[in-house]
Amino acid sequence: GSIFEWDIRSHSYNLLSALARRPEAYHRVLTEPRPESRAGESGVIPSIHDAITVKDQSISRFLAYDKYPRSSLLDHFLSPSTKLEDFASNSHRELGDFITQSYEALVKKKSGKVVVSLCRAGIVDGEDGVATIEVRKQIHLVEGQEKLEVHYQLKNLGGPPVQAAFGSEWNFNLLGGGHNEQAYYKMPVITLDDEHLDSWGELEGLKKIALGNRHLGIELEMMASPAITLWRFPVESVSNSEGGIERIYQSSCLLLLLPISLAAGEGVSLDLIWTVRTAPTTS
């Protein structure tokens, strides 16, 4: 029930080119005690520790692994007490079972428009017990428009009331690593403390935000109804390069959060509109 590729043909660019964080053999250099080097001694074979350079000795705190592919339109049900840092490090608890499961899919094409309907009834394990929650989402695409409209419908089909934070996860790669000055977030009213695409932050009561890259000429605007809470953070893997082990930017994660309180039979909706525009040439 997720999207792993969204090609902007006018720019020949895939907005969702994101990689998940996976364990690598050389991560042992960061997690295991480092023995004294004996490289160069007669008859001693250099170990992995001798062959790898660690550029930042504090980098082990950035080790985190993803339990699912870093696609978009992923559906989370989180405890209201979950923190941004917990989610970013993948140390949080999922109340639902939607992330790695299949959705029923239906595609309709008519008069230059495509509507993809995705539906799944799964469980959400809340404080009052396990409820059955149905997630229905429709993706609307219109020929000739670089726009993605998503319409969510959530419903408690049966069981105890559900108190949770529903989150729609999106992972965009607009080359925002290394504090790239060309890659930015932009708010219509608020001035962010850090506008770089590899920045962290939480914003409440949000109805509109944009992110873009002036060098690529791409700006992506999101409009939400009702207002949501936005978590943003960079997805960075710990990788081994010619210069040594370092953090490598993979994508900017945006989690769009909607608090829900659903008794049996109750439902709630969420509408998201993503529109591609031309990025301004100057900030």
C-alpha atoms as a PDB file:
ATOM      1  CA  GLY A   1       0.000   0.000   0.000  1.00  0.00           C
ATOM      2  CA  SER A   2       2.897   2.392  -0.549  1.00  0.00           C
ATOM      3  CA  ILE A   3       4.561   4.398  -3.339  1.00  0.00           C
ATOM      4  CA  PHE A   4       8.219   3.787  -4.144  1.00  0.00           C
ATOM      5  CA  GLU A   5       8.620   5.938  -7.265  1.00  0.00           C
ATOM      6  CA  TRP A   6       7.202   9.278  -8.406  1.00  0.00           C
ATOM      7  CA  ASP A   7       8.873  10.472 -11.595  1.00  0.00           C
ATOM      8  CA  ILE A   8       8.726  14.154 -12.518  1.00  0.00           C
ATOM      9  CA  ARG A   9       9.123  13.848 -16.264  1.00  0.00           C
ATOM     10  CA  SER A  10       9.681  17.561 -16.868  1.00  0.00           C
ATOM     11  CA  HIS A  11      12.865  17.249 -14.774  1.00  0.00           C
ATOM     12  CA  SER A  12      13.649  13.540 -15.381  1.00  0.00           C
ATOM     13  CA  TYR A  13      13.748  13.090 -11.620  1.00  0.00           C
ATOM     14  CA  ASN A  14      12.366  10.511  -9.168  1.00  0.00           C
ATOM     15  CA  LEU A  15      11.300  12.341  -5.990  1.00  0.00           C
ATOM     16  CA  LEU A  16      11.157   9.121  -3.961  1.00  0.00           C
ATOM     17  CA  SER A  17      14.609   7.699  -4.638  1.00  0.00           C
ATOM     18  CA  ALA A  18      15.274   6.682  -1.035  1.00  0.00           C
ATOM     19  CA  LEU A  19      17.262   3.830   0.496  1.00  0.00           C
ATOM     20  CA  ALA A  20      16.596   2.072   3.788  1.00  0.00           C
ATOM     21  CA  ARG A  21      19.217   1.840   6.531  1.00  0.00           C
ATOM     22  CA  ARG A  22      20.564  -1.727   6.675  1.00  0.00           C
ATOM     23  CA  PRO A  23      23.208  -3.520   8.785  1.00  0.00           C
ATOM     24  CA  GLU A  24      26.646  -3.719   7.181  1.00  0.00           C
ATOM     25  CA  ALA A  25      29.542  -5.980   8.173  1.00  0.00           C
ATOM     26  CA  TYR A  26      31.846  -3.024   8.830  1.00  0.00           C
ATOM     27  CA  HIS A  27      29.419  -1.645  11.441  1.00  0.00           C
ATOM     28  CA  ARG A  28      31.126  -4.104  13.804  1.00  0.00           C
ATOM     29  CA  VAL A  29      33.989  -1.630  13.950  1.00  0.00           C
ATOM     30  CA  LEU A  30      31.590   0.742  15.725  1.00  0.00           C
ATOM     31  CA  THR A  31      29.778  -1.762  17.949  1.00  0.00           C
ATOM     32  CA  GLU A  32      32.502  -4.187  19.045  1.00  0.00           C
ATOM     33  CA  PRO A  33      35.483  -3.423  21.316  1.00  0.00           C
ATOM     34  CA  ARG A  34      38.427  -2.424  19.160  1.00  0.00           C
ATOM     35  CA  PRO A  35      41.485  -4.620  19.770  1.00  0.00           C
ATOM     36  CA  GLU A  36      44.989  -3.254  19.738  1.00  0.00           C
ATOM     37  CA  SER A  37      46.291  -3.224  16.183  1.00  0.00           C
ATOM     38  CA  ARG A  38      48.911  -5.838  15.372  1.00  0.00           C
ATOM     39  CA  ALA A  39      49.075  -5.076  11.665  1.00  0.00           C
ATOM     40  CA  GLY A  40      52.608  -5.194  10.359  1.00  0.00           C
ATOM     41  CA  GLU A  41      53.774  -7.860  12.796  1.00  0.00           C
ATOM     42  CA  SER A  42      55.305 -10.877  11.151  1.00  0.00           C
ATOM     43  CA  GLY A  43      52.677 -13.487  10.306  1.00  0.00           C
ATOM     44  CA  VAL A  44      49.740 -11.365  11.543  1.00  0.00           C
ATOM     45  CA  ILE A  45      46.874 -10.802   9.104  1.00  0.00           C
ATOM     46  CA  PRO A  46      45.358  -7.294   9.388  1.00  0.00           C
ATOM     47  CA  SER A  47      41.813  -7.344  10.773  1.00  0.00           C
ATOM     48  CA  ILE A  48      38.768  -5.408   9.635  1.00  0.00           C
ATOM     49  CA  HIS A  49      39.610  -2.871  12.343  1.00  0.00           C
ATOM     50  CA  ASP A  50      42.975  -2.175  10.743  1.00  0.00           C
ATOM     51  CA  ALA A  51      41.530  -1.727   7.246  1.00  0.00           C
ATOM     52  CA  ILE A  52      38.726   0.759   8.039  1.00  0.00           C
ATOM     53  CA  THR A  53      39.052   4.404   9.022  1.00  0.00           C
ATOM     54  CA  VAL A  54      36.409   5.999  11.250  1.00  0.00           C
ATOM     55  CA  LYS A  55      36.097   9.694  10.366  1.00  0.00           C
ATOM     56  CA  ASP A  56      33.868  10.543  13.347  1.00  0.00           C
ATOM     57  CA  GLN A  57      34.399   8.571  16.563  1.00  0.00           C
ATOM     58  CA  SER A  58      30.896   9.498  17.798  1.00  0.00           C
ATOM     59  CA  ILE A  59      29.200   8.131  14.694  1.00  0.00           C
ATOM     60  CA  SER A  60      28.023   4.930  16.422  1.00  0.00           C
ATOM     61  CA  ARG A  61      25.133   6.884  17.963  1.00  0.00           C
ATOM     62  CA  PHE A  62      23.716   7.347  14.462  1.00  0.00           C
ATOM     63  CA  LEU A  63      23.438   3.602  13.816  1.00  0.00           C
ATOM     64  CA  ALA A  64      19.778   2.779  13.165  1.00  0.00           C
ATOM     65  CA  TYR A  65      18.191   0.150  10.969  1.00  0.00           C
ATOM     66  CA  ASP A  66      14.888   0.214   9.121  1.00  0.00           C
ATOM     67  CA  LYS A  67      12.397  -2.621   9.436  1.00  0.00           C
ATOM     68  CA  TYR A  68      10.714  -1.773   6.121  1.00  0.00           C
ATOM     69  CA  PRO A  69      11.616  -0.184   2.757  1.00  0.00           C
ATOM     70  CA  ARG A  70      11.795   3.611   2.770  1.00  0.00           C
ATOM     71  CA  SER A  71       8.857   4.127   0.435  1.00  0.00           C
ATOM     72  CA  SER A  72       6.059   6.692   0.903  1.00  0.00           C
ATOM     73  CA  LEU A  73       2.355   6.722   1.769  1.00  0.00           C
ATOM     74  CA  LEU A  74       3.163   4.364   4.668  1.00  0.00           C
ATOM     75  CA  ASP A  75       0.539   4.135   7.414  1.00  0.00           C
ATOM     76  CA  HIS A  76       1.561   4.234  11.080  1.00  0.00           C
ATOM     77  CA  PHE A  77      -0.466   4.042  14.282  1.00  0.00           C
ATOM     78  CA  LEU A  78       1.627   5.356  17.166  1.00  0.00           C
ATOM     79  CA  SER A  79       1.105   5.830  20.865  1.00  0.00           C
ATOM     80  CA  PRO A  80       0.396   9.499  21.678  1.00  0.00           C
ATOM     81  CA  SER A  81       3.512   9.402  23.895  1.00  0.00           C
ATOM     82  CA  THR A  82       5.856   8.504  20.990  1.00  0.00           C
ATOM     83  CA  LYS A  83       8.618  11.060  20.423  1.00  0.00           C
ATOM     84  CA  LEU A  84      10.208  12.205  17.168  1.00  0.00           C
ATOM     85  CA  GLU A  85      13.568  10.780  18.245  1.00  0.00           C
ATOM     86  CA  ASP A  86      11.973   7.360  18.905  1.00  0.00           C
ATOM     87  CA  PHE A  87      10.469   7.265  15.445  1.00  0.00           C
ATOM     88  CA  ALA A  88      13.635   8.470  13.710  1.00  0.00           C
ATOM     89  CA  SER A  89      15.759   5.779  15.377  1.00  0.00           C
ATOM     90  CA  ASN A  90      13.116   3.109  14.700  1.00  0.00           C
ATOM     91  CA  SER A  91      12.927   2.350  18.425  1.00  0.00           C
ATOM     92  CA  HIS A  92       9.220   3.154  18.656  1.00  0.00           C
ATOM     93  CA  ARG A  93       6.368   0.645  18.951  1.00  0.00           C
ATOM     94  CA  GLU A  94       3.835   0.281  16.162  1.00  0.00           C
ATOM     95  CA  LEU A  95       0.289  -0.109  17.509  1.00  0.00           C
ATOM     96  CA  GLY A  96      -0.946  -1.256  14.096  1.00  0.00           C
ATOM     97  CA  ASP A  97       0.085  -3.974  11.660  1.00  0.00           C
ATOM     98  CA  PHE A  98      -0.157  -1.957   8.448  1.00  0.00           C
ATOM     99  CA  ILE A  99       3.470  -1.199   7.533  1.00  0.00           C
ATOM    100  CA  THR A 100       4.566  -4.512   6.027  1.00  0.00           C
ATOM    101  CA  GLN A 101       1.185  -5.937   4.990  1.00  0.00           C
ATOM    102  CA  SER A 102      -0.603  -5.963   1.635  1.00  0.00           C
ATOM    103  CA  TYR A 103      -3.563  -3.772   0.705  1.00  0.00           C
ATOM    104  CA  GLU A 104      -6.411  -4.558  -1.665  1.00  0.00           C
ATOM    105  CA  ALA A 105      -5.877  -2.437  -4.779  1.00  0.00           C
ATOM    106  CA  LEU A 106      -8.203  -1.167  -7.489  1.00  0.00           C
ATOM    107  CA  VAL A 107      -7.211   1.074 -10.411  1.00  0.00           C
ATOM    108  CA  LYS A 108      -9.751   3.096 -12.402  1.00  0.00           C
ATOM    109  CA  LYS A 109      -8.953   5.162 -15.497  1.00  0.00           C
ATOM    110  CA  LYS A 110     -11.393   7.658 -16.982  1.00  0.00           C
ATOM    111  CA  SER A 111     -11.098  10.819 -19.087  1.00  0.00           C
ATOM    112  CA  GLY A 112      -7.427  11.519 -18.460  1.00  0.00           C
ATOM    113  CA  LYS A 113      -7.624  10.662 -14.769  1.00  0.00           C
ATOM    114  CA  VAL A 114      -6.352   7.686 -12.775  1.00  0.00           C
ATOM    115  CA  VAL A 115      -7.673   6.785  -9.330  1.00  0.00           C
ATOM    116  CA  VAL A 116      -5.872   4.136  -7.300  1.00  0.00           C
ATOM    117  CA  SER A 117      -7.888   2.819  -4.342  1.00  0.00           C
ATOM    118  CA  LEU A 118      -6.084   0.976  -1.550  1.00  0.00           C
ATOM    119  CA  CYS A 119      -7.828  -0.676   1.390  1.00  0.00           C
ATOM    120  CA  ARG A 120      -6.844  -2.797   4.358  1.00  0.00           C
ATOM    121  CA  ALA A 121      -8.544  -3.836   7.610  1.00  0.00           C
ATOM    122  CA  GLY A 122      -5.906  -4.425  10.272  1.00  0.00           C
ATOM    123  CA  ILE A 123      -5.522  -4.355  14.020  1.00  0.00           C
ATOM    124  CA  VAL A 124      -4.531  -1.512  16.318  1.00  0.00           C
ATOM    125  CA  ASP A 125      -3.443  -2.537  19.800  1.00  0.00           C
ATOM    126  CA  GLY A 126      -4.274   0.360  22.088  1.00  0.00           C
ATOM    127  CA  GLU A 127      -4.428   0.845  25.841  1.00  0.00           C
ATOM    128  CA  ASP A 128      -8.005  -0.471  25.970  1.00  0.00           C
ATOM    129  CA  GLY A 129      -7.395  -3.543  23.829  1.00  0.00           C
ATOM    130  CA  VAL A 130      -7.276  -4.559  20.195  1.00  0.00           C
ATOM    131  CA  ALA A 131      -9.575  -2.889  17.666  1.00  0.00           C
ATOM    132  CA  THR A 132     -10.085  -3.547  13.965  1.00  0.00           C
ATOM    133  CA  ILE A 133      -9.301  -0.436  11.948  1.00  0.00           C
ATOM    134  CA  GLU A 134      -9.981  -0.019   8.242  1.00  0.00           C
ATOM    135  CA  VAL A 135      -7.685   2.242   6.243  1.00  0.00           C
ATOM    136  CA  ARG A 136      -8.977   3.367   2.861  1.00  0.00           C
ATOM    137  CA  LYS A 137      -6.901   5.689   0.728  1.00  0.00           C
ATOM    138  CA  GLN A 138      -7.353   6.972  -2.783  1.00  0.00           C
ATOM    139  CA  ILE A 139      -4.593   8.439  -4.937  1.00  0.00           C
ATOM    140  CA  HIS A 140      -5.799  10.754  -7.719  1.00  0.00           C
ATOM    141  CA  LEU A 141      -3.633  11.543 -10.748  1.00  0.00           C
ATOM    142  CA  VAL A 142      -4.722  13.852 -13.591  1.00  0.00           C
ATOM    143  CA  GLU A 143      -3.073  13.732 -16.997  1.00  0.00           C
ATOM    144  CA  GLY A 144      -0.738  16.659 -17.570  1.00  0.00           C
ATOM    145  CA  GLN A 145      -0.656  17.721 -13.906  1.00  0.00           C
ATOM    146  CA  GLU A 146       2.340  17.145 -11.637  1.00  0.00           C
ATOM    147  CA  LYS A 147       0.101  16.671  -8.646  1.00  0.00           C
ATOM    148  CA  LEU A 148      -0.722  13.812  -6.280  1.00  0.00           C
ATOM    149  CA  GLU A 149      -3.975  13.928  -4.298  1.00  0.00           C
ATOM    150  CA  VAL A 150      -4.425  11.474  -1.426  1.00  0.00           C
ATOM    151  CA  HIS A 151      -7.723  11.002   0.410  1.00  0.00           C
ATOM    152  CA  TYR A 152      -7.692   8.920   3.603  1.00  0.00           C
ATOM    153  CA  GLN A 153     -10.666   7.374   5.396  1.00  0.00           C
ATOM    154  CA  LEU A 154     -10.032   5.636   8.729  1.00  0.00           C
ATOM    155  CA  LYS A 155     -12.779   3.716  10.527  1.00  0.00           C
ATOM    156  CA  ASN A 156     -13.016   1.656  13.701  1.00  0.00           C
ATOM    157  CA  LEU A 157     -14.851  -1.465  12.510  1.00  0.00           C
ATOM    158  CA  GLY A 158     -15.144  -2.979  15.972  1.00  0.00           C
ATOM    159  CA  GLY A 159     -13.513  -3.260  19.336  1.00  0.00           C
ATOM    160  CA  PRO A 160     -12.588  -0.777  22.062  1.00  0.00           C
ATOM    161  CA  PRO A 161     -12.060   2.941  21.425  1.00  0.00           C
ATOM    162  CA  VAL A 162      -8.726   3.787  19.806  1.00  0.00           C
ATOM    163  CA  GLN A 163      -6.584   6.664  21.048  1.00  0.00           C
ATOM    164  CA  ALA A 164      -3.546   7.025  18.820  1.00  0.00           C
ATOM    165  CA  ALA A 165      -1.587   9.217  16.447  1.00  0.00           C
ATOM    166  CA  PHE A 166      -2.092   8.208  12.830  1.00  0.00           C
ATOM    167  CA  GLY A 167       0.931   8.978  10.688  1.00  0.00           C
ATOM    168  CA  SER A 168       1.381   9.099   6.917  1.00  0.00           C
ATOM    169  CA  GLU A 169       5.092   8.707   6.146  1.00  0.00           C
ATOM    170  CA  TRP A 170       6.803  10.233   3.094  1.00  0.00           C
ATOM    171  CA  ASN A 171      10.473  10.006   2.116  1.00  0.00           C
ATOM    172  CA  PHE A 172      11.778  12.509  -0.453  1.00  0.00           C
ATOM    173  CA  ASN A 173      15.266  12.760  -1.890  1.00  0.00           C
ATOM    174  CA  LEU A 174      15.969  16.272  -3.126  1.00  0.00           C
ATOM    175  CA  LEU A 175      19.733  16.013  -2.557  1.00  0.00           C
ATOM    176  CA  GLY A 176      19.572  17.638   0.851  1.00  0.00           C
ATOM    177  CA  GLY A 177      22.637  16.077   2.470  1.00  0.00           C
ATOM    178  CA  GLY A 178      25.607  17.951   3.892  1.00  0.00           C
ATOM    179  CA  HIS A 179      23.489  21.010   4.729  1.00  0.00           C
ATOM    180  CA  ASN A 180      23.098  21.712   1.009  1.00  0.00           C
ATOM    181  CA  GLU A 181      22.259  25.418   0.756  1.00  0.00           C
ATOM    182  CA  GLN A 182      20.193  24.771  -2.375  1.00  0.00           C
ATOM    183  CA  ALA A 183      17.847  22.300  -0.608  1.00  0.00           C
ATOM    184  CA  TYR A 184      15.277  23.791   1.750  1.00  0.00           C
ATOM    185  CA  TYR A 185      12.009  23.669   3.680  1.00  0.00           C
ATOM    186  CA  LYS A 186       9.705  26.672   3.423  1.00  0.00           C
ATOM    187  CA  MET A 187       6.709  27.688   5.525  1.00  0.00           C
ATOM    188  CA  PRO A 188       4.087  30.260   4.434  1.00  0.00           C
ATOM    189  CA  VAL A 189       4.130  32.141   7.773  1.00  0.00           C
ATOM    190  CA  ILE A 190       6.714  30.593  10.112  1.00  0.00           C
ATOM    191  CA  THR A 191      10.460  31.160   9.773  1.00  0.00           C
ATOM    192  CA  LEU A 192      12.212  27.909  10.617  1.00  0.00           C
ATOM    193  CA  ASP A 193      15.318  27.902  12.810  1.00  0.00           C
ATOM    194  CA  ASP A 194      16.941  25.589  10.267  1.00  0.00           C
ATOM    195  CA  GLU A 195      15.519  25.404   6.732  1.00  0.00           C
ATOM    196  CA  HIS A 196      17.965  22.790   5.388  1.00  0.00           C
ATOM    197  CA  LEU A 197      16.507  19.486   4.186  1.00  0.00           C
ATOM    198  CA  ASP A 198      18.724  17.562   6.605  1.00  0.00           C
ATOM    199  CA  SER A 199      17.318  19.443   9.613  1.00  0.00           C
ATOM    200  CA  TRP A 200      15.123  18.084  12.401  1.00  0.00           C
ATOM    201  CA  GLY A 201      11.922  19.552  13.764  1.00  0.00           C
ATOM    202  CA  GLU A 202       8.319  19.285  14.895  1.00  0.00           C
ATOM    203  CA  LEU A 203       5.540  21.650  13.858  1.00  0.00           C
ATOM    204  CA  GLU A 204       1.956  21.591  15.102  1.00  0.00           C
ATOM    205  CA  GLY A 205      -1.223  22.880  13.468  1.00  0.00           C
ATOM    206  CA  LEU A 206       0.295  22.690  10.001  1.00  0.00           C
ATOM    207  CA  LYS A 207      -1.777  23.017   6.832  1.00  0.00           C
ATOM    208  CA  LYS A 208       0.929  23.829   4.290  1.00  0.00           C
ATOM    209  CA  ILE A 209       4.652  23.331   3.783  1.00  0.00           C
ATOM    210  CA  ALA A 210       7.040  23.276   0.829  1.00  0.00           C
ATOM    211  CA  LEU A 211      10.389  21.616   0.252  1.00  0.00           C
ATOM    212  CA  GLY A 212      12.634  21.989  -2.739  1.00  0.00           C
ATOM    213  CA  ASN A 213      16.023  22.261  -4.371  1.00  0.00           C
ATOM    214  CA  ARG A 214      16.871  25.438  -6.293  1.00  0.00           C
ATOM    215  CA  HIS A 215      19.628  23.727  -8.297  1.00  0.00           C
ATOM    216  CA  LEU A 216      17.225  20.988  -9.468  1.00  0.00           C
ATOM    217  CA  GLY A 217      14.516  23.586 -10.077  1.00  0.00           C
ATOM    218  CA  ILE A 218      11.973  21.493  -8.150  1.00  0.00           C
ATOM    219  CA  GLU A 219       9.715  22.628  -5.316  1.00  0.00           C
ATOM    220  CA  LEU A 220       7.119  20.338  -3.750  1.00  0.00           C
ATOM    221  CA  GLU A 221       4.188  21.830  -1.870  1.00  0.00           C
ATOM    222  CA  MET A 222       1.994  19.892   0.552  1.00  0.00           C
ATOM    223  CA  MET A 223      -1.452  20.979   1.716  1.00  0.00           C
ATOM    224  CA  ALA A 224      -3.274  19.062   4.469  1.00  0.00           C
ATOM    225  CA  SER A 225      -6.875  19.080   5.691  1.00  0.00           C
ATOM    226  CA  PRO A 226      -7.435  19.030   8.618  1.00  0.00           C
ATOM    227  CA  ALA A 227      -4.265  20.525  10.081  1.00  0.00           C
ATOM    228  CA  ILE A 228      -1.575  18.013  11.042  1.00  0.00           C
ATOM    229  CA  THR A 229       1.564  17.789  13.164  1.00  0.00           C
ATOM    230  CA  LEU A 230       4.728  17.434  11.074  1.00  0.00           C
ATOM    231  CA  TRP A 231       7.837  15.529  12.110  1.00  0.00           C
ATOM    232  CA  ARG A 232      10.842  15.962   9.849  1.00  0.00           C
ATOM    233  CA  PHE A 233      14.316  14.432  10.011  1.00  0.00           C
ATOM    234  CA  PRO A 234      17.078  13.236   7.671  1.00  0.00           C
ATOM    235  CA  VAL A 235      17.412   9.514   6.971  1.00  0.00           C
ATOM    236  CA  GLU A 236      21.160   8.903   7.084  1.00  0.00           C
ATOM    237  CA  SER A 237      22.982   5.610   6.736  1.00  0.00           C
ATOM    238  CA  VAL A 238      26.382   4.882   8.225  1.00  0.00           C
ATOM    239  CA  SER A 239      28.503   3.939   5.214  1.00  0.00           C
ATOM    240  CA  ASN A 240      32.106   3.145   4.374  1.00  0.00           C
ATOM    241  CA  SER A 241      33.644   5.342   1.682  1.00  0.00           C
ATOM    242  CA  GLU A 242      37.191   5.977   0.476  1.00  0.00           C
ATOM    243  CA  GLY A 243      37.580   8.518   3.255  1.00  0.00           C
ATOM    244  CA  GLY A 244      36.311   6.172   5.963  1.00  0.00           C
ATOM    245  CA  ILE A 245      33.064   5.481   7.789  1.00  0.00           C
ATOM    246  CA  GLU A 246      30.708   8.454   7.652  1.00  0.00           C
ATOM    247  CA  ARG A 247      27.045   9.425   7.546  1.00  0.00           C
ATOM    248  CA  ILE A 248      25.433   9.434   4.091  1.00  0.00           C
ATOM    249  CA  TYR A 249      22.161  11.272   3.440  1.00  0.00           C
ATOM    250  CA  GLN A 250      19.479   9.053   1.891  1.00  0.00           C
ATOM    251  CA  SER A 251      16.283  11.115   2.134  1.00  0.00           C
ATOM    252  CA  SER A 252      14.256  13.583   4.159  1.00  0.00           C
ATOM    253  CA  CYS A 253      11.460  11.880   6.087  1.00  0.00           C
ATOM    254  CA  LEU A 254       8.200  13.712   6.688  1.00  0.00           C
ATOM    255  CA  LEU A 255       5.672  12.101   9.028  1.00  0.00           C
ATOM    256  CA  LEU A 256       2.262  13.763   8.849  1.00  0.00           C
ATOM    257  CA  LEU A 257       0.502  13.074  12.150  1.00  0.00           C
ATOM    258  CA  LEU A 258      -3.206  13.256  12.932  1.00  0.00           C
ATOM    259  CA  PRO A 259      -4.429  12.531  16.485  1.00  0.00           C
ATOM    260  CA  ILE A 260      -7.391  10.128  16.378  1.00  0.00           C
ATOM    261  CA  SER A 261      -9.975   9.054  18.941  1.00  0.00           C
ATOM    262  CA  LEU A 262     -12.324   6.522  17.381  1.00  0.00           C
ATOM    263  CA  ALA A 263     -15.035   4.557  19.125  1.00  0.00           C
ATOM    264  CA  ALA A 264     -16.495   1.536  17.350  1.00  0.00           C
ATOM    265  CA  GLY A 265     -18.223   2.662  14.156  1.00  0.00           C
ATOM    266  CA  GLU A 266     -16.575   6.085  14.103  1.00  0.00           C
ATOM    267  CA  GLY A 267     -14.317   7.371  11.357  1.00  0.00           C
ATOM    268  CA  VAL A 268     -12.089  10.264  10.375  1.00  0.00           C
ATOM    269  CA  SER A 269     -10.683  11.600   7.106  1.00  0.00           C
ATOM    270  CA  LEU A 270      -7.410  13.193   6.031  1.00  0.00           C
ATOM    271  CA  ASP A 271      -6.714  14.872   2.678  1.00  0.00           C
ATOM    272  CA  LEU A 272      -3.215  15.535   1.357  1.00  0.00           C
ATOM    273  CA  ILE A 273      -2.345  17.344  -1.867  1.00  0.00           C
ATOM    274  CA  TRP A 274       1.240  17.282  -3.162  1.00  0.00           C
ATOM    275  CA  THR A 275       1.953  19.711  -6.018  1.00  0.00           C
ATOM    276  CA  VAL A 276       5.203  20.063  -7.956  1.00  0.00           C
ATOM    277  CA  ARG A 277       6.252  23.613  -8.821  1.00  0.00           C
ATOM    278  CA  THR A 278       9.336  25.338 -10.186  1.00  0.00           C
ATOM    279  CA  ALA A 279      11.740  26.245  -7.385  1.00  0.00           C
ATOM    280  CA  PRO A 280      12.780  29.891  -7.062  1.00  0.00           C
ATOM    281  CA  THR A 281      16.330  30.611  -8.201  1.00  0.00           C
ATOM    282  CA  THR A 282      17.183  32.509  -4.984  1.00  0.00           C
ATOM    283  CA  SER A 283      16.178  32.021  -1.342  1.00  0.00           C
END
